[in-house]
């Protein structure tokens, strides 16, 4: 499993940048589908006891969605 390989590599910190609160918003910012893969990766890391950092850039165009982002997590 990819997550186990990451943890076995000796990495002691990972930051996951989440670009949106819906798959459509994620597609708009990144030009690819993948929001749920990012969330699944975060959950896998947590399952193995790793504590990744999550970032979400707040802008004028998405500030009203920040509460939705927090609920999503």
PDB file of N, CA and C in Angstrom:
ATOM      1  N   UNK A   1       0.849  -1.188   0.000  1.00  0.00           N
ATOM      2  CA  UNK A   1       0.000   0.000   0.000  1.00  0.00           C
ATOM      3  C   UNK A   1       0.889   1.244   0.000  1.00  0.00           C
ATOM      4  N   UNK A   2       0.482   2.219  -0.797  1.00  0.00           N
ATOM      5  CA  UNK A   2       1.252   3.445  -0.950  1.00  0.00           C
ATOM      6  C   UNK A   2       1.447   4.165   0.384  1.00  0.00           C
ATOM      7  N   UNK A   3       0.403   4.232   1.188  1.00  0.00           N
ATOM      8  CA  UNK A   3       0.496   4.921   2.483  1.00  0.00           C
ATOM      9  C   UNK A   3       1.563   4.281   3.357  1.00  0.00           C
ATOM     10  N   UNK A   4       1.601   2.973   3.391  1.00  0.00           N
ATOM     11  CA  UNK A   4       2.599   2.282   4.208  1.00  0.00           C
ATOM     12  C   UNK A   4       4.010   2.582   3.710  1.00  0.00           C
ATOM     13  N   UNK A   5       4.198   2.671   2.395  1.00  0.00           N
ATOM     14  CA  UNK A   5       5.503   3.011   1.839  1.00  0.00           C
ATOM     15  C   UNK A   5       5.938   4.409   2.276  1.00  0.00           C
ATOM     16  N   UNK A   6       4.995   5.332   2.290  1.00  0.00           N
ATOM     17  CA  UNK A   6       5.305   6.693   2.746  1.00  0.00           C
ATOM     18  C   UNK A   6       5.767   6.662   4.195  1.00  0.00           C
ATOM     19  N   UNK A   7       5.017   5.983   5.030  1.00  0.00           N
ATOM     20  CA  UNK A   7       5.356   5.949   6.453  1.00  0.00           C
ATOM     21  C   UNK A   7       6.681   5.231   6.694  1.00  0.00           C
ATOM     22  N   UNK A   8       6.974   4.190   5.929  1.00  0.00           N
ATOM     23  CA  UNK A   8       8.228   3.450   6.083  1.00  0.00           C
ATOM     24  C   UNK A   8       9.434   4.223   5.562  1.00  0.00           C
ATOM     25  N   UNK A   9       9.209   5.260   4.795  1.00  0.00           N
ATOM     26  CA  UNK A   9      10.309   6.015   4.202  1.00  0.00           C
ATOM     27  C   UNK A   9      11.034   6.890   5.216  1.00  0.00           C
ATOM     28  N   UNK A  10      10.433   7.112   6.379  1.00  0.00           N
ATOM     29  CA  UNK A  10      11.056   7.955   7.395  1.00  0.00           C
ATOM     30  C   UNK A  10      10.571   9.395   7.376  1.00  0.00           C
ATOM     31  N   UNK A  11       9.668   9.717   6.473  1.00  0.00           N
ATOM     32  CA  UNK A  11       9.112  11.073   6.441  1.00  0.00           C
ATOM     33  C   UNK A  11       8.428  11.357   7.770  1.00  0.00           C
ATOM     34  N   UNK A  12       8.688  12.533   8.330  1.00  0.00           N
ATOM     35  CA  UNK A  12       8.070  12.838   9.622  1.00  0.00           C
ATOM     36  C   UNK A  12       7.037  13.954   9.544  1.00  0.00           C
ATOM     37  N   UNK A  13       6.731  14.408   8.328  1.00  0.00           N
ATOM     38  CA  UNK A  13       5.711  15.431   8.185  1.00  0.00           C
ATOM     39  C   UNK A  13       5.154  15.475   6.769  1.00  0.00           C
ATOM     40  N   UNK A  14       3.851  15.631   6.678  1.00  0.00           N
ATOM     41  CA  UNK A  14       3.187  15.738   5.374  1.00  0.00           C
ATOM     42  C   UNK A  14       2.131  16.831   5.476  1.00  0.00           C
ATOM     43  N   UNK A  15       2.126  17.727   4.500  1.00  0.00           N
ATOM     44  CA  UNK A  15       1.073  18.728   4.408  1.00  0.00           C
ATOM     45  C   UNK A  15       0.188  18.379   3.222  1.00  0.00           C
ATOM     46  N   UNK A  16      -1.109  18.323   3.455  1.00  0.00           N
ATOM     47  CA  UNK A  16      -2.067  18.049   2.393  1.00  0.00           C
ATOM     48  C   UNK A  16      -2.839  19.334   2.145  1.00  0.00           C
ATOM     49  N   UNK A  17      -2.735  19.841   0.920  1.00  0.00           N
ATOM     50  CA  UNK A  17      -3.448  21.051   0.537  1.00  0.00           C
ATOM     51  C   UNK A  17      -4.740  20.649  -0.152  1.00  0.00           C
ATOM     52  N   UNK A  18      -5.852  21.045   0.406  1.00  0.00           N
ATOM     53  CA  UNK A  18      -7.153  20.694  -0.146  1.00  0.00           C
ATOM     54  C   UNK A  18      -7.682  21.893  -0.924  1.00  0.00           C
ATOM     55  N   UNK A  19      -7.928  21.672  -2.190  1.00  0.00           N
ATOM     56  CA  UNK A  19      -8.315  22.743  -3.110  1.00  0.00           C
ATOM     57  C   UNK A  19      -9.798  22.668  -3.424  1.00  0.00           C
ATOM     58  N   UNK A  20     -10.614  22.986  -2.463  1.00  0.00           N
ATOM     59  CA  UNK A  20     -12.047  23.014  -2.716  1.00  0.00           C
ATOM     60  C   UNK A  20     -12.841  22.161  -1.746  1.00  0.00           C
ATOM     61  N   UNK A  21     -14.144  22.373  -1.783  1.00  0.00           N
ATOM     62  CA  UNK A  21     -15.038  21.651  -0.877  1.00  0.00           C
ATOM     63  C   UNK A  21     -15.944  20.674  -1.618  1.00  0.00           C
ATOM     64  N   UNK A  22     -15.899  20.723  -2.943  1.00  0.00           N
ATOM     65  CA  UNK A  22     -16.656  19.776  -3.769  1.00  0.00           C
ATOM     66  C   UNK A  22     -15.743  19.304  -4.896  1.00  0.00           C
ATOM     67  N   UNK A  23     -16.108  18.198  -5.509  1.00  0.00           N
ATOM     68  CA  UNK A  23     -15.314  17.696  -6.638  1.00  0.00           C
ATOM     69  C   UNK A  23     -15.291  18.714  -7.774  1.00  0.00           C
ATOM     70  N   UNK A  24     -16.400  19.404  -7.998  1.00  0.00           N
ATOM     71  CA  UNK A  24     -16.466  20.406  -9.060  1.00  0.00           C
ATOM     72  C   UNK A  24     -15.524  21.572  -8.775  1.00  0.00           C
ATOM     73  N   UNK A  25     -15.497  22.025  -7.536  1.00  0.00           N
ATOM     74  CA  UNK A  25     -14.611  23.124  -7.155  1.00  0.00           C
ATOM     75  C   UNK A  25     -13.143  22.687  -7.258  1.00  0.00           C
ATOM     76  N   UNK A  26     -12.861  21.460  -6.825  1.00  0.00           N
ATOM     77  CA  UNK A  26     -11.512  20.914  -6.924  1.00  0.00           C
ATOM     78  C   UNK A  26     -11.072  20.872  -8.391  1.00  0.00           C
ATOM     79  N   UNK A  27     -11.963  20.427  -9.268  1.00  0.00           N
ATOM     80  CA  UNK A  27     -11.681  20.372 -10.707  1.00  0.00           C
ATOM     81  C   UNK A  27     -11.393  21.770 -11.255  1.00  0.00           C
ATOM     82  N   UNK A  28     -12.149  22.743 -10.808  1.00  0.00           N
ATOM     83  CA  UNK A  28     -11.959  24.123 -11.261  1.00  0.00           C
ATOM     84  C   UNK A  28     -10.563  24.635 -10.890  1.00  0.00           C
ATOM     85  N   UNK A  29     -10.108  24.358  -9.677  1.00  0.00           N
ATOM     86  CA  UNK A  29      -8.808  24.862  -9.205  1.00  0.00           C
ATOM     87  C   UNK A  29      -7.624  24.045  -9.710  1.00  0.00           C
ATOM     88  N   UNK A  30      -7.803  22.729  -9.904  1.00  0.00           N
ATOM     89  CA  UNK A  30      -6.665  21.867 -10.234  1.00  0.00           C
ATOM     90  C   UNK A  30      -6.706  21.318 -11.658  1.00  0.00           C
ATOM     91  N   UNK A  31      -7.857  21.443 -12.316  1.00  0.00           N
ATOM     92  CA  UNK A  31      -8.068  20.923 -13.668  1.00  0.00           C
ATOM     93  C   UNK A  31      -7.997  19.396 -13.722  1.00  0.00           C
ATOM     94  N   UNK A  32      -8.335  18.764 -12.605  1.00  0.00           N
ATOM     95  CA  UNK A  32      -8.432  17.306 -12.566  1.00  0.00           C
ATOM     96  C   UNK A  32      -9.368  16.866 -11.448  1.00  0.00           C
ATOM     97  N   UNK A  33      -9.925  15.677 -11.596  1.00  0.00           N
ATOM     98  CA  UNK A  33     -10.763  15.086 -10.556  1.00  0.00           C
ATOM     99  C   UNK A  33      -9.840  14.508  -9.497  1.00  0.00           C
ATOM    100  N   UNK A  34     -10.196  14.628  -8.224  1.00  0.00           N
ATOM    101  CA  UNK A  34      -9.314  14.033  -7.219  1.00  0.00           C
ATOM    102  C   UNK A  34      -9.580  14.406  -5.786  1.00  0.00           C
ATOM    103  N   UNK A  35     -10.579  15.231  -5.511  1.00  0.00           N
ATOM    104  CA  UNK A  35     -10.828  15.647  -4.125  1.00  0.00           C
ATOM    105  C   UNK A  35     -11.019  14.450  -3.207  1.00  0.00           C
ATOM    106  N   UNK A  36     -11.826  13.490  -3.640  1.00  0.00           N
ATOM    107  CA  UNK A  36     -12.110  12.351  -2.764  1.00  0.00           C
ATOM    108  C   UNK A  36     -10.897  11.449  -2.604  1.00  0.00           C
ATOM    109  N   UNK A  37      -9.997  11.421  -3.592  1.00  0.00           N
ATOM    110  CA  UNK A  37      -8.736  10.689  -3.446  1.00  0.00           C
ATOM    111  C   UNK A  37      -7.852  11.352  -2.400  1.00  0.00           C
ATOM    112  N   UNK A  38      -7.817  12.678  -2.393  1.00  0.00           N
ATOM    113  CA  UNK A  38      -7.031  13.412  -1.404  1.00  0.00           C
ATOM    114  C   UNK A  38      -7.571  13.130  -0.004  1.00  0.00           C
ATOM    115  N   UNK A  39      -8.873  13.173   0.158  1.00  0.00           N
ATOM    116  CA  UNK A  39      -9.483  12.909   1.462  1.00  0.00           C
ATOM    117  C   UNK A  39      -9.217  11.470   1.890  1.00  0.00           C
ATOM    118  N   UNK A  40      -9.307  10.521   0.951  1.00  0.00           N
ATOM    119  CA  UNK A  40      -9.021   9.118   1.269  1.00  0.00           C
ATOM    120  C   UNK A  40      -7.556   8.949   1.700  1.00  0.00           C
ATOM    121  N   UNK A  41      -6.650   9.645   1.039  1.00  0.00           N
ATOM    122  CA  UNK A  41      -5.233   9.604   1.432  1.00  0.00           C
ATOM    123  C   UNK A  41      -5.036  10.124   2.841  1.00  0.00           C
ATOM    124  N   UNK A  42      -5.710  11.211   3.174  1.00  0.00           N
ATOM    125  CA  UNK A  42      -5.650  11.756   4.535  1.00  0.00           C
ATOM    126  C   UNK A  42      -6.160  10.723   5.551  1.00  0.00           C
ATOM    127  N   UNK A  43      -7.290  10.108   5.242  1.00  0.00           N
ATOM    128  CA  UNK A  43      -7.864   9.115   6.150  1.00  0.00           C
ATOM    129  C   UNK A  43      -6.940   7.903   6.310  1.00  0.00           C
ATOM    130  N   UNK A  44      -6.291   7.483   5.228  1.00  0.00           N
ATOM    131  CA  UNK A  44      -5.341   6.370   5.317  1.00  0.00           C
ATOM    132  C   UNK A  44      -4.174   6.706   6.232  1.00  0.00           C
ATOM    133  N   UNK A  45      -3.639   7.901   6.082  1.00  0.00           N
ATOM    134  CA  UNK A  45      -2.533   8.316   6.955  1.00  0.00           C
ATOM    135  C   UNK A  45      -2.975   8.312   8.415  1.00  0.00           C
ATOM    136  N   UNK A  46      -4.149   8.857   8.691  1.00  0.00           N
ATOM    137  CA  UNK A  46      -4.677   8.876  10.063  1.00  0.00           C
ATOM    138  C   UNK A  46      -4.856   7.453  10.591  1.00  0.00           C
ATOM    139  N   UNK A  47      -5.341   6.556   9.737  1.00  0.00           N
ATOM    140  CA  UNK A  47      -5.563   5.160  10.129  1.00  0.00           C
ATOM    141  C   UNK A  47      -4.265   4.514  10.618  1.00  0.00           C
ATOM    142  N   UNK A  48      -3.151   4.876   9.993  1.00  0.00           N
ATOM    143  CA  UNK A  48      -1.864   4.311  10.377  1.00  0.00           C
ATOM    144  C   UNK A  48      -1.164   5.121  11.471  1.00  0.00           C
ATOM    145  N   UNK A  49      -1.863   6.073  12.074  1.00  0.00           N
ATOM    146  CA  UNK A  49      -1.325   6.815  13.203  1.00  0.00           C
ATOM    147  C   UNK A  49      -0.502   8.035  12.845  1.00  0.00           C
ATOM    148  N   UNK A  50      -0.476   8.427  11.586  1.00  0.00           N
ATOM    149  CA  UNK A  50       0.268   9.605  11.162  1.00  0.00           C
ATOM    150  C   UNK A  50      -0.644  10.822  11.272  1.00  0.00           C
ATOM    151  N   UNK A  51      -0.099  11.956  11.641  1.00  0.00           N
ATOM    152  CA  UNK A  51      -0.891  13.181  11.798  1.00  0.00           C
ATOM    153  C   UNK A  51      -0.498  14.206  10.737  1.00  0.00           C
ATOM    154  N   UNK A  52      -1.068  14.111   9.542  1.00  0.00           N
ATOM    155  CA  UNK A  52      -0.733  15.089   8.506  1.00  0.00           C
ATOM    156  C   UNK A  52      -1.344  16.462   8.817  1.00  0.00           C
ATOM    157  N   UNK A  53      -0.728  17.485   8.269  1.00  0.00           N
ATOM    158  CA  UNK A  53      -1.252  18.841   8.360  1.00  0.00           C
ATOM    159  C   UNK A  53      -2.113  19.089   7.128  1.00  0.00           C
ATOM    160  N   UNK A  54      -3.214  19.793   7.322  1.00  0.00           N
ATOM    161  CA  UNK A  54      -4.091  20.135   6.200  1.00  0.00           C
ATOM    162  C   UNK A  54      -4.067  21.647   6.015  1.00  0.00           C
ATOM    163  N   UNK A  55      -3.994  22.071   4.752  1.00  0.00           N
ATOM    164  CA  UNK A  55      -4.081  23.503   4.477  1.00  0.00           C
ATOM    165  C   UNK A  55      -5.190  23.764   3.464  1.00  0.00           C
ATOM    166  N   UNK A  56      -5.755  24.938   3.592  1.00  0.00           N
ATOM    167  CA  UNK A  56      -6.827  25.402   2.707  1.00  0.00           C
ATOM    168  C   UNK A  56      -6.631  26.897   2.568  1.00  0.00           C
ATOM    169  N   UNK A  57      -6.306  27.354   1.384  1.00  0.00           N
ATOM    170  CA  UNK A  57      -6.065  28.775   1.163  1.00  0.00           C
ATOM    171  C   UNK A  57      -7.407  29.496   1.088  1.00  0.00           C
ATOM    172  N   UNK A  58      -7.580  30.473   1.963  1.00  0.00           N
ATOM    173  CA  UNK A  58      -8.816  31.260   2.000  1.00  0.00           C
ATOM    174  C   UNK A  58      -8.624  32.502   1.144  1.00  0.00           C
ATOM    175  N   UNK A  59      -9.558  32.697   0.216  1.00  0.00           N
ATOM    176  CA  UNK A  59      -9.519  33.863  -0.667  1.00  0.00           C
ATOM    177  C   UNK A  59     -10.875  34.577  -0.619  1.00  0.00           C
ATOM    178  N   UNK A  60     -10.936  35.723  -1.253  1.00  0.00           N
ATOM    179  CA  UNK A  60     -12.212  36.437  -1.328  1.00  0.00           C
ATOM    180  C   UNK A  60     -13.287  35.593  -2.008  1.00  0.00           C
ATOM    181  N   UNK A  61     -12.868  34.760  -2.960  1.00  0.00           N
ATOM    182  CA  UNK A  61     -13.858  33.982  -3.715  1.00  0.00           C
ATOM    183  C   UNK A  61     -14.310  32.697  -3.012  1.00  0.00           C
ATOM    184  N   UNK A  62     -13.606  32.264  -1.951  1.00  0.00           N
ATOM    185  CA  UNK A  62     -14.028  31.028  -1.286  1.00  0.00           C
ATOM    186  C   UNK A  62     -14.253  31.158   0.217  1.00  0.00           C
ATOM    187  N   UNK A  63     -14.098  32.337   0.764  1.00  0.00           N
ATOM    188  CA  UNK A  63     -14.203  32.501   2.211  1.00  0.00           C
ATOM    189  C   UNK A  63     -15.572  32.058   2.746  1.00  0.00           C
ATOM    190  N   UNK A  64     -16.614  32.242   1.936  1.00  0.00           N
ATOM    191  CA  UNK A  64     -17.951  31.845   2.393  1.00  0.00           C
ATOM    192  C   UNK A  64     -18.104  30.329   2.458  1.00  0.00           C
ATOM    193  N   UNK A  65     -17.170  29.592   1.855  1.00  0.00           N
ATOM    194  CA  UNK A  65     -17.221  28.126   1.862  1.00  0.00           C
ATOM    195  C   UNK A  65     -16.351  27.509   2.959  1.00  0.00           C
ATOM    196  N   UNK A  66     -15.689  28.338   3.756  1.00  0.00           N
ATOM    197  CA  UNK A  66     -14.764  27.811   4.760  1.00  0.00           C
ATOM    198  C   UNK A  66     -15.481  26.921   5.781  1.00  0.00           C
ATOM    199  N   UNK A  67     -16.652  27.329   6.223  1.00  0.00           N
ATOM    200  CA  UNK A  67     -17.405  26.495   7.177  1.00  0.00           C
ATOM    201  C   UNK A  67     -17.745  25.141   6.559  1.00  0.00           C
ATOM    202  N   UNK A  68     -18.057  25.122   5.272  1.00  0.00           N
ATOM    203  CA  UNK A  68     -18.331  23.874   4.566  1.00  0.00           C
ATOM    204  C   UNK A  68     -17.083  22.993   4.536  1.00  0.00           C
ATOM    205  N   UNK A  69     -15.924  23.617   4.348  1.00  0.00           N
ATOM    206  CA  UNK A  69     -14.654  22.903   4.368  1.00  0.00           C
ATOM    207  C   UNK A  69     -14.424  22.237   5.718  1.00  0.00           C
ATOM    208  N   UNK A  70     -14.643  22.970   6.780  1.00  0.00           N
ATOM    209  CA  UNK A  70     -14.448  22.421   8.129  1.00  0.00           C
ATOM    210  C   UNK A  70     -15.400  21.253   8.375  1.00  0.00           C
ATOM    211  N   UNK A  71     -16.650  21.392   7.981  1.00  0.00           N
ATOM    212  CA  UNK A  71     -17.627  20.303   8.151  1.00  0.00           C
ATOM    213  C   UNK A  71     -17.236  19.086   7.326  1.00  0.00           C
ATOM    214  N   UNK A  72     -16.693  19.314   6.127  1.00  0.00           N
ATOM    215  CA  UNK A  72     -16.279  18.221   5.267  1.00  0.00           C
ATOM    216  C   UNK A  72     -15.222  17.353   5.965  1.00  0.00           C
ATOM    217  N   UNK A  73     -14.328  18.003   6.674  1.00  0.00           N
ATOM    218  CA  UNK A  73     -13.277  17.253   7.368  1.00  0.00           C
ATOM    219  C   UNK A  73     -13.844  16.508   8.550  1.00  0.00           C
TER     220      UNK A  73
END
